[in-house]
């Protein structure tokens, strides 16, 4: 699974939604215009663009651990089982391994 696909799937698990056309008002000599840009929305954070993106779950324990903690018990159990079978040792998992485990546990991993 490509990095971008993983981040998008994890972001969706975390409540983020991709928004294709956000209208951004701009000034021009002819008056006001609106540019359409790509962005993200979140139920508690609102809508934004540019640097307003989901966190990089693949590199940040601060992003992936709370996301795993939000999951239902069966998903958390499946994450633990996957890690036991595929990670180097207890508490040695990288954020990327935690991400893969969560995506597999939720059925969102694409081979």
C-alpha atoms as a PDB file:
ATOM      1  CA  UNK A   1       0.000   0.000   0.000  1.00  0.00           C
ATOM      2  CA  UNK A   2       1.427   3.384  -0.962  1.00  0.00           C
ATOM      3  CA  UNK A   3       2.165   5.986   1.703  1.00  0.00           C
ATOM      4  CA  UNK A   4      -0.536   8.371   0.446  1.00  0.00           C
ATOM      5  CA  UNK A   5      -3.125   5.575   0.474  1.00  0.00           C
ATOM      6  CA  UNK A   6      -2.212   4.640   4.046  1.00  0.00           C
ATOM      7  CA  UNK A   7      -2.439   8.225   5.308  1.00  0.00           C
ATOM      8  CA  UNK A   8      -5.784   8.745   3.561  1.00  0.00           C
ATOM      9  CA  UNK A   9      -7.248   5.506   4.997  1.00  0.00           C
ATOM     10  CA  UNK A  10      -5.975   6.326   8.491  1.00  0.00           C
ATOM     11  CA  UNK A  11      -7.271   9.897   8.242  1.00  0.00           C
ATOM     12  CA  UNK A  12     -10.713   8.574   7.311  1.00  0.00           C
ATOM     13  CA  UNK A  13     -10.625   6.284  10.355  1.00  0.00           C
ATOM     14  CA  UNK A  14      -9.811   9.393  12.389  1.00  0.00           C
ATOM     15  CA  UNK A  15     -12.813  11.330  11.072  1.00  0.00           C
ATOM     16  CA  UNK A  16     -11.109  13.342   8.313  1.00  0.00           C
ATOM     17  CA  UNK A  17     -12.743  13.644   4.895  1.00  0.00           C
ATOM     18  CA  UNK A  18     -11.062  14.693   1.697  1.00  0.00           C
ATOM     19  CA  UNK A  19     -12.677  17.727   0.071  1.00  0.00           C
ATOM     20  CA  UNK A  20     -11.926  18.218  -3.606  1.00  0.00           C
ATOM     21  CA  UNK A  21     -13.262  21.718  -4.194  1.00  0.00           C
ATOM     22  CA  UNK A  22     -12.919  24.260  -1.407  1.00  0.00           C
ATOM     23  CA  UNK A  23     -13.695  27.804  -2.516  1.00  0.00           C
ATOM     24  CA  UNK A  24     -10.999  30.208  -1.410  1.00  0.00           C
ATOM     25  CA  UNK A  25     -11.905  33.874  -1.980  1.00  0.00           C
ATOM     26  CA  UNK A  26      -9.163  35.881  -3.662  1.00  0.00           C
ATOM     27  CA  UNK A  27      -8.957  39.524  -4.703  1.00  0.00           C
ATOM     28  CA  UNK A  28      -8.248  40.516  -8.266  1.00  0.00           C
ATOM     29  CA  UNK A  29      -8.332  43.771 -10.152  1.00  0.00           C
ATOM     30  CA  UNK A  30     -11.756  42.728 -11.513  1.00  0.00           C
ATOM     31  CA  UNK A  31     -13.237  42.157  -8.070  1.00  0.00           C
ATOM     32  CA  UNK A  32     -13.532  39.000  -6.001  1.00  0.00           C
ATOM     33  CA  UNK A  33     -12.922  35.545  -7.376  1.00  0.00           C
ATOM     34  CA  UNK A  34     -12.817  32.123  -5.841  1.00  0.00           C
ATOM     35  CA  UNK A  35     -10.152  29.514  -6.394  1.00  0.00           C
ATOM     36  CA  UNK A  36     -10.998  25.856  -5.970  1.00  0.00           C
ATOM     37  CA  UNK A  37      -8.413  23.903  -4.001  1.00  0.00           C
ATOM     38  CA  UNK A  38      -8.058  20.451  -2.478  1.00  0.00           C
ATOM     39  CA  UNK A  39      -8.341  20.177   1.282  1.00  0.00           C
ATOM     40  CA  UNK A  40      -9.602  18.235   4.267  1.00  0.00           C
ATOM     41  CA  UNK A  41     -12.467  18.561   6.690  1.00  0.00           C
ATOM     42  CA  UNK A  42     -12.809  17.222  10.202  1.00  0.00           C
ATOM     43  CA  UNK A  43     -15.944  17.172  12.366  1.00  0.00           C
ATOM     44  CA  UNK A  44     -14.266  18.984  15.278  1.00  0.00           C
ATOM     45  CA  UNK A  45     -11.574  20.952  13.447  1.00  0.00           C
ATOM     46  CA  UNK A  46     -13.591  22.329  10.541  1.00  0.00           C
ATOM     47  CA  UNK A  47     -12.486  22.615   6.941  1.00  0.00           C
ATOM     48  CA  UNK A  48      -9.179  23.810   5.575  1.00  0.00           C
ATOM     49  CA  UNK A  49      -6.517  23.623   2.933  1.00  0.00           C
ATOM     50  CA  UNK A  50      -2.784  24.079   2.470  1.00  0.00           C
ATOM     51  CA  UNK A  51      -1.046  23.039   5.693  1.00  0.00           C
ATOM     52  CA  UNK A  52      -4.380  21.938   7.164  1.00  0.00           C
ATOM     53  CA  UNK A  53      -3.957  18.200   6.746  1.00  0.00           C
ATOM     54  CA  UNK A  54      -4.318  15.054   8.796  1.00  0.00           C
ATOM     55  CA  UNK A  55      -1.202  14.192  10.790  1.00  0.00           C
ATOM     56  CA  UNK A  56       1.403  11.849   9.339  1.00  0.00           C
ATOM     57  CA  UNK A  57       0.357   8.742  11.224  1.00  0.00           C
ATOM     58  CA  UNK A  58       3.228   6.772   9.641  1.00  0.00           C
ATOM     59  CA  UNK A  59       5.897   8.749  11.469  1.00  0.00           C
ATOM     60  CA  UNK A  60       4.189   9.983  14.638  1.00  0.00           C
ATOM     61  CA  UNK A  61       3.371   7.968  17.740  1.00  0.00           C
ATOM     62  CA  UNK A  62       1.376  11.043  18.872  1.00  0.00           C
ATOM     63  CA  UNK A  63      -0.942  10.545  15.881  1.00  0.00           C
ATOM     64  CA  UNK A  64      -1.295   6.761  15.578  1.00  0.00           C
ATOM     65  CA  UNK A  65      -1.561   5.710  19.236  1.00  0.00           C
ATOM     66  CA  UNK A  66      -4.657   7.854  19.998  1.00  0.00           C
ATOM     67  CA  UNK A  67      -6.228   6.595  16.769  1.00  0.00           C
ATOM     68  CA  UNK A  68      -5.713   2.978  17.855  1.00  0.00           C
ATOM     69  CA  UNK A  69      -7.054   3.817  21.319  1.00  0.00           C
ATOM     70  CA  UNK A  70     -10.290   5.172  19.757  1.00  0.00           C
ATOM     71  CA  UNK A  71     -11.068   1.831  18.107  1.00  0.00           C
ATOM     72  CA  UNK A  72     -13.480  -0.771  19.433  1.00  0.00           C
ATOM     73  CA  UNK A  73     -12.019  -3.628  21.515  1.00  0.00           C
ATOM     74  CA  UNK A  74     -12.122  -6.255  18.711  1.00  0.00           C
ATOM     75  CA  UNK A  75     -10.083  -3.986  16.424  1.00  0.00           C
ATOM     76  CA  UNK A  76      -7.562  -3.267  19.185  1.00  0.00           C
ATOM     77  CA  UNK A  77      -7.265  -7.009  19.813  1.00  0.00           C
ATOM     78  CA  UNK A  78      -6.626  -7.640  16.103  1.00  0.00           C
ATOM     79  CA  UNK A  79      -3.950  -4.911  16.105  1.00  0.00           C
ATOM     80  CA  UNK A  80      -2.246  -6.629  19.044  1.00  0.00           C
ATOM     81  CA  UNK A  81      -2.375 -10.053  17.365  1.00  0.00           C
ATOM     82  CA  UNK A  82      -0.913  -8.701  14.118  1.00  0.00           C
ATOM     83  CA  UNK A  83       1.893  -6.975  16.012  1.00  0.00           C
ATOM     84  CA  UNK A  84       2.711 -10.129  17.969  1.00  0.00           C
ATOM     85  CA  UNK A  85       3.113 -12.047  14.708  1.00  0.00           C
ATOM     86  CA  UNK A  86       4.863  -9.366  12.642  1.00  0.00           C
ATOM     87  CA  UNK A  87       6.748  -6.872  14.835  1.00  0.00           C
ATOM     88  CA  UNK A  88      10.273  -7.326  16.224  1.00  0.00           C
ATOM     89  CA  UNK A  89       9.271  -7.358  19.893  1.00  0.00           C
ATOM     90  CA  UNK A  90       7.009  -5.899  22.492  1.00  0.00           C
ATOM     91  CA  UNK A  91       7.117  -2.078  22.594  1.00  0.00           C
ATOM     92  CA  UNK A  92       9.534  -1.998  19.629  1.00  0.00           C
ATOM     93  CA  UNK A  93       6.892  -1.244  16.996  1.00  0.00           C
ATOM     94  CA  UNK A  94       7.431   1.753  14.771  1.00  0.00           C
ATOM     95  CA  UNK A  95       4.548   4.104  13.958  1.00  0.00           C
ATOM     96  CA  UNK A  96       4.493   2.592  10.444  1.00  0.00           C
ATOM     97  CA  UNK A  97       4.046  -0.920  11.885  1.00  0.00           C
ATOM     98  CA  UNK A  98       1.247   0.304  14.153  1.00  0.00           C
ATOM     99  CA  UNK A  99      -0.403   1.889  11.102  1.00  0.00           C
ATOM    100  CA  UNK A 100      -0.195  -1.309   9.077  1.00  0.00           C
ATOM    101  CA  UNK A 101      -1.578  -3.313  11.974  1.00  0.00           C
ATOM    102  CA  UNK A 102      -4.540  -0.929  12.342  1.00  0.00           C
ATOM    103  CA  UNK A 103      -5.266  -0.885   8.616  1.00  0.00           C
ATOM    104  CA  UNK A 104      -5.178  -4.685   8.510  1.00  0.00           C
ATOM    105  CA  UNK A 105      -7.359  -4.947  11.623  1.00  0.00           C
ATOM    106  CA  UNK A 106      -9.995  -2.695  10.045  1.00  0.00           C
ATOM    107  CA  UNK A 107      -9.863  -4.376   6.630  1.00  0.00           C
ATOM    108  CA  UNK A 108      -8.513  -1.257   4.915  1.00  0.00           C
ATOM    109  CA  UNK A 109      -5.073  -2.639   3.976  1.00  0.00           C
ATOM    110  CA  UNK A 110      -4.582  -3.049   0.231  1.00  0.00           C
ATOM    111  CA  UNK A 111      -1.939  -5.507  -1.002  1.00  0.00           C
END
